[in-house]
Amino acid sequence: MSAEVKVLPASTRTNLEALKHHMKKLGFKYFEEKDGWAWFCMHTFGTSKKPALFGDCVCISTRFFNLSIQAVRLEVAKKVPEINQAILDFYEAEGIKE
């Protein structure tokens, strides 16, 4: 059985790239998109180079209004208003409402 790979629509990819760029400006270095979820993290897990999804990390759904901000350092907590605005801009561009 072959695994089906879901490709994001071009407009979603464009909007996600804009969000990725904004999050990079805020200090989030690592990005992963999988199964309709986008993760932005500041650190990797050990030597695996996979995003550390348990702290200083933002997760959003690319399909519906759902987000999570995990801040374990004050630096990230101070950026929450800017993070929220960047995510809201993404959802607005996608036409996703509450």
C-alpha atoms as a PDB file:
ATOM      1  CA  MET A   1       0.000   0.000   0.000  1.00  0.00           C
ATOM      2  CA  SER A   2       1.406   3.380  -0.955  1.00  0.00           C
ATOM      3  CA  ALA A   3       1.327   6.372   1.341  1.00  0.00           C
ATOM      4  CA  GLU A   4      -0.738   9.262   0.049  1.00  0.00           C
ATOM      5  CA  VAL A   5       1.002  12.608   0.298  1.00  0.00           C
ATOM      6  CA  LYS A   6      -1.302  15.595   0.677  1.00  0.00           C
ATOM      7  CA  VAL A   7      -0.034  18.718  -1.044  1.00  0.00           C
ATOM      8  CA  LEU A   8      -1.068  22.109   0.243  1.00  0.00           C
ATOM      9  CA  PRO A   9      -2.807  24.434  -2.226  1.00  0.00           C
ATOM     10  CA  ALA A  10      -0.540  27.072  -3.789  1.00  0.00           C
ATOM     11  CA  SER A  11      -2.238  29.925  -1.904  1.00  0.00           C
ATOM     12  CA  THR A  12      -1.778  28.134   1.433  1.00  0.00           C
ATOM     13  CA  ARG A  13       1.891  27.475   0.643  1.00  0.00           C
ATOM     14  CA  THR A  14       2.353  31.177  -0.160  1.00  0.00           C
ATOM     15  CA  ASN A  15       0.613  32.272   3.046  1.00  0.00           C
ATOM     16  CA  LEU A  16       2.599  29.720   5.060  1.00  0.00           C
ATOM     17  CA  GLU A  17       5.869  31.024   3.576  1.00  0.00           C
ATOM     18  CA  ALA A  18       4.905  34.554   4.640  1.00  0.00           C
ATOM     19  CA  LEU A  19       4.141  33.291   8.151  1.00  0.00           C
ATOM     20  CA  LYS A  20       7.385  31.293   8.204  1.00  0.00           C
ATOM     21  CA  HIS A  21       9.326  34.443   7.268  1.00  0.00           C
ATOM     22  CA  HIS A  22       7.616  36.471  10.008  1.00  0.00           C
ATOM     23  CA  MET A  23       8.222  33.744  12.609  1.00  0.00           C
ATOM     24  CA  LYS A  24      11.892  33.611  11.611  1.00  0.00           C
ATOM     25  CA  LYS A  25      12.133  37.348  12.365  1.00  0.00           C
ATOM     26  CA  LEU A  26      10.727  36.556  15.817  1.00  0.00           C
ATOM     27  CA  GLY A  27      13.484  34.013  16.454  1.00  0.00           C
ATOM     28  CA  PHE A  28      11.829  30.724  15.481  1.00  0.00           C
ATOM     29  CA  LYS A  29      14.517  28.818  13.568  1.00  0.00           C
ATOM     30  CA  TYR A  30      12.985  25.414  12.924  1.00  0.00           C
ATOM     31  CA  PHE A  31       9.878  24.666  10.887  1.00  0.00           C
ATOM     32  CA  GLU A  32       7.932  21.527  10.093  1.00  0.00           C
ATOM     33  CA  GLU A  33       4.622  21.086   8.252  1.00  0.00           C
ATOM     34  CA  LYS A  34       2.899  17.733   8.513  1.00  0.00           C
ATOM     35  CA  ASP A  35      -0.670  16.441   8.340  1.00  0.00           C
ATOM     36  CA  GLY A  36      -2.257  19.890   8.303  1.00  0.00           C
ATOM     37  CA  TRP A  37      -0.179  21.250  11.186  1.00  0.00           C
ATOM     38  CA  ALA A  38       2.678  23.737  11.057  1.00  0.00           C
ATOM     39  CA  TRP A  39       5.260  23.862  13.845  1.00  0.00           C
ATOM     40  CA  PHE A  40       7.629  26.759  14.521  1.00  0.00           C
ATOM     41  CA  CYS A  41      10.273  26.037  17.147  1.00  0.00           C
ATOM     42  CA  MET A  42      13.339  27.740  18.577  1.00  0.00           C
ATOM     43  CA  HIS A  43      15.302  24.575  19.340  1.00  0.00           C
ATOM     44  CA  THR A  44      15.950  21.060  18.061  1.00  0.00           C
ATOM     45  CA  PHE A  45      15.649  17.823  20.008  1.00  0.00           C
ATOM     46  CA  GLY A  46      19.123  16.512  20.736  1.00  0.00           C
ATOM     47  CA  THR A  47      21.262  15.840  17.681  1.00  0.00           C
ATOM     48  CA  SER A  48      18.352  14.726  15.488  1.00  0.00           C
ATOM     49  CA  LYS A  49      17.778  18.232  14.052  1.00  0.00           C
ATOM     50  CA  LYS A  50      14.019  17.659  14.465  1.00  0.00           C
ATOM     51  CA  PRO A  51      12.086  20.565  15.983  1.00  0.00           C
ATOM     52  CA  ALA A  52      11.738  20.304  19.773  1.00  0.00           C
ATOM     53  CA  LEU A  53       7.949  20.389  19.995  1.00  0.00           C
ATOM     54  CA  PHE A  54       7.783  20.594  23.793  1.00  0.00           C
ATOM     55  CA  GLY A  55       8.964  24.136  24.507  1.00  0.00           C
ATOM     56  CA  ASP A  56       9.341  27.566  22.939  1.00  0.00           C
ATOM     57  CA  CYS A  57       7.199  26.325  20.102  1.00  0.00           C
ATOM     58  CA  VAL A  58       4.132  27.443  18.162  1.00  0.00           C
ATOM     59  CA  CYS A  59       1.757  25.021  16.481  1.00  0.00           C
ATOM     60  CA  ILE A  60      -1.084  25.990  14.136  1.00  0.00           C
ATOM     61  CA  SER A  61      -3.557  24.117  12.005  1.00  0.00           C
ATOM     62  CA  THR A  62      -3.440  24.987   8.308  1.00  0.00           C
ATOM     63  CA  ARG A  63      -7.063  23.793   7.881  1.00  0.00           C
ATOM     64  CA  PHE A  64      -9.060  25.265  10.773  1.00  0.00           C
ATOM     65  CA  PHE A  65      -8.710  27.833  13.569  1.00  0.00           C
ATOM     66  CA  ASN A  66      -6.541  26.122  16.176  1.00  0.00           C
ATOM     67  CA  LEU A  67      -3.233  27.252  17.634  1.00  0.00           C
ATOM     68  CA  SER A  68      -0.954  26.547  20.547  1.00  0.00           C
ATOM     69  CA  ILE A  69       1.901  28.635  21.936  1.00  0.00           C
ATOM     70  CA  GLN A  70       4.273  26.928  24.345  1.00  0.00           C
ATOM     71  CA  ALA A  71       6.602  29.414  25.997  1.00  0.00           C
ATOM     72  CA  VAL A  72       9.139  28.181  28.531  1.00  0.00           C
ATOM     73  CA  ARG A  73      11.335  31.271  28.388  1.00  0.00           C
ATOM     74  CA  LEU A  74      10.448  34.876  29.077  1.00  0.00           C
ATOM     75  CA  GLU A  75      11.871  35.863  25.671  1.00  0.00           C
ATOM     76  CA  VAL A  76       9.094  33.933  23.905  1.00  0.00           C
ATOM     77  CA  ALA A  77       6.380  35.046  26.331  1.00  0.00           C
ATOM     78  CA  LYS A  78       7.194  38.682  25.557  1.00  0.00           C
ATOM     79  CA  LYS A  79       6.661  37.996  21.840  1.00  0.00           C
ATOM     80  CA  VAL A  80       3.184  36.445  22.231  1.00  0.00           C
ATOM     81  CA  PRO A  81       1.296  39.544  20.946  1.00  0.00           C
ATOM     82  CA  GLU A  82       3.409  39.588  17.737  1.00  0.00           C
ATOM     83  CA  ILE A  83       3.099  35.814  17.357  1.00  0.00           C
ATOM     84  CA  ASN A  84      -0.679  36.031  17.723  1.00  0.00           C
ATOM     85  CA  GLN A  85      -0.905  38.804  15.127  1.00  0.00           C
ATOM     86  CA  ALA A  86       1.210  36.864  12.609  1.00  0.00           C
ATOM     87  CA  ILE A  87      -1.005  33.803  13.053  1.00  0.00           C
ATOM     88  CA  LEU A  88      -4.203  35.845  12.804  1.00  0.00           C
ATOM     89  CA  ASP A  89      -2.886  37.403   9.578  1.00  0.00           C
ATOM     90  CA  PHE A  90      -2.283  33.879   8.207  1.00  0.00           C
ATOM     91  CA  TYR A  91      -5.811  32.756   9.120  1.00  0.00           C
ATOM     92  CA  GLU A  92      -7.318  35.914   7.626  1.00  0.00           C
ATOM     93  CA  ALA A  93      -5.393  35.369   4.371  1.00  0.00           C
ATOM     94  CA  GLU A  94      -6.655  31.773   4.314  1.00  0.00           C
ATOM     95  CA  GLY A  95     -10.255  32.845   4.993  1.00  0.00           C
ATOM     96  CA  ILE A  96     -10.328  30.734   8.175  1.00  0.00           C
ATOM     97  CA  LYS A  97     -12.634  32.099  10.865  1.00  0.00           C
ATOM     98  CA  GLU A  98     -13.380  31.020  14.426  1.00  0.00           C
END
